[in-house]
Protein backbone atom coordinates (compact mmCIF):
# COMPACT_ATOMS: atom_id res chain seq x y z
CA UNK A 1 0.00 0.00 0.00
CA UNK A 2 1.68 3.18 -1.13
CA UNK A 3 -1.22 5.46 -0.40
CA UNK A 4 -0.48 8.75 1.30
CA UNK A 5 -1.72 9.04 4.88
CA UNK A 6 -2.73 12.53 5.98
CA UNK A 7 -2.42 13.96 9.48
CA UNK A 8 -5.32 15.74 11.16
CA UNK A 9 -3.83 19.20 10.45
CA UNK A 10 -3.41 18.27 6.75
CA UNK A 11 -7.01 17.06 6.54
CA UNK A 12 -8.26 20.23 8.24
CA UNK A 13 -6.33 22.37 5.77
CA UNK A 14 -7.68 20.43 2.77
CA UNK A 15 -11.24 20.82 4.08
CA UNK A 16 -10.76 24.45 5.06
CA UNK A 17 -11.79 23.78 8.65
CA UNK A 18 -10.23 23.75 12.08
CA UNK A 19 -8.62 20.55 13.39
CA UNK A 20 -11.66 20.01 15.58
CA UNK A 21 -13.85 18.97 12.61
CA UNK A 22 -11.69 16.03 11.38
CA UNK A 23 -11.14 14.97 14.99
CA UNK A 24 -14.91 14.89 15.47
CA UNK A 25 -15.32 12.80 12.29
CA UNK A 26 -12.80 10.35 13.72
CA UNK A 27 -14.38 10.27 17.19
CA UNK A 28 -17.83 9.66 15.70
CA UNK A 29 -16.40 6.99 13.34
CA UNK A 30 -17.78 8.88 10.33
CA UNK A 31 -14.53 8.54 8.36
CA UNK A 32 -12.03 5.70 7.94
CA UNK A 33 -8.75 6.27 9.77
CA UNK A 34 -5.54 4.46 10.64
CA UNK A 35 -3.87 4.39 14.04
CA UNK A 36 -0.08 4.56 13.89
CA UNK A 37 0.85 4.17 17.52
CA UNK A 38 -0.87 7.08 19.21
CA UNK A 39 -1.10 9.05 15.98
CA UNK A 40 -4.15 9.07 13.73
CA UNK A 41 -3.91 9.27 9.94
CA UNK A 42 -6.56 9.43 7.23
CA UNK A 43 -5.89 7.82 3.85
CA UNK A 44 -5.99 10.37 1.02
CA UNK A 45 -8.51 8.33 -0.99
CA UNK A 46 -10.78 8.18 2.05
CA UNK A 47 -10.74 11.97 2.29
CA UNK A 48 -11.44 12.29 -1.44
CA UNK A 49 -14.37 9.84 -1.11
CA UNK A 50 -15.71 11.79 1.89
CA UNK A 51 -15.59 15.02 -0.10
CA UNK A 52 -17.32 13.36 -3.08
CA UNK A 53 -20.07 11.81 -0.91
CA UNK A 54 -20.79 15.13 0.77
CA UNK A 55 -20.72 17.31 -2.32
CA UNK A 56 -24.14 18.77 -3.05
CA UNK A 57 -24.92 19.39 -6.70
CA UNK A 58 -27.11 22.44 -7.30
CA UNK A 59 -30.55 21.87 -8.72
CA UNK A 60 -31.29 23.62 -12.01
CA UNK A 61 -33.85 26.39 -11.97
CA UNK A 62 -37.29 25.40 -13.10
CA UNK A 63 -38.95 27.43 -15.77
CA UNK A 64 -42.32 28.90 -15.06
CA UNK A 65 -45.13 27.67 -17.21
CA UNK A 66 -46.39 30.52 -19.37
């Protein structure tokens, strides 16, 4: 496995949040993570999947019937 493992600060920066948000995702088991001793890492593909799953696509505007 040569996948890059991201630290909590790296994940927070990629998401544009504080470190508290990825830590909460980990605590609530809402994202896959890896324990390396006492350190926690998130696989890069897992973060990409999380972003994809939580991306909301805008709905097109409906035309009014004339």
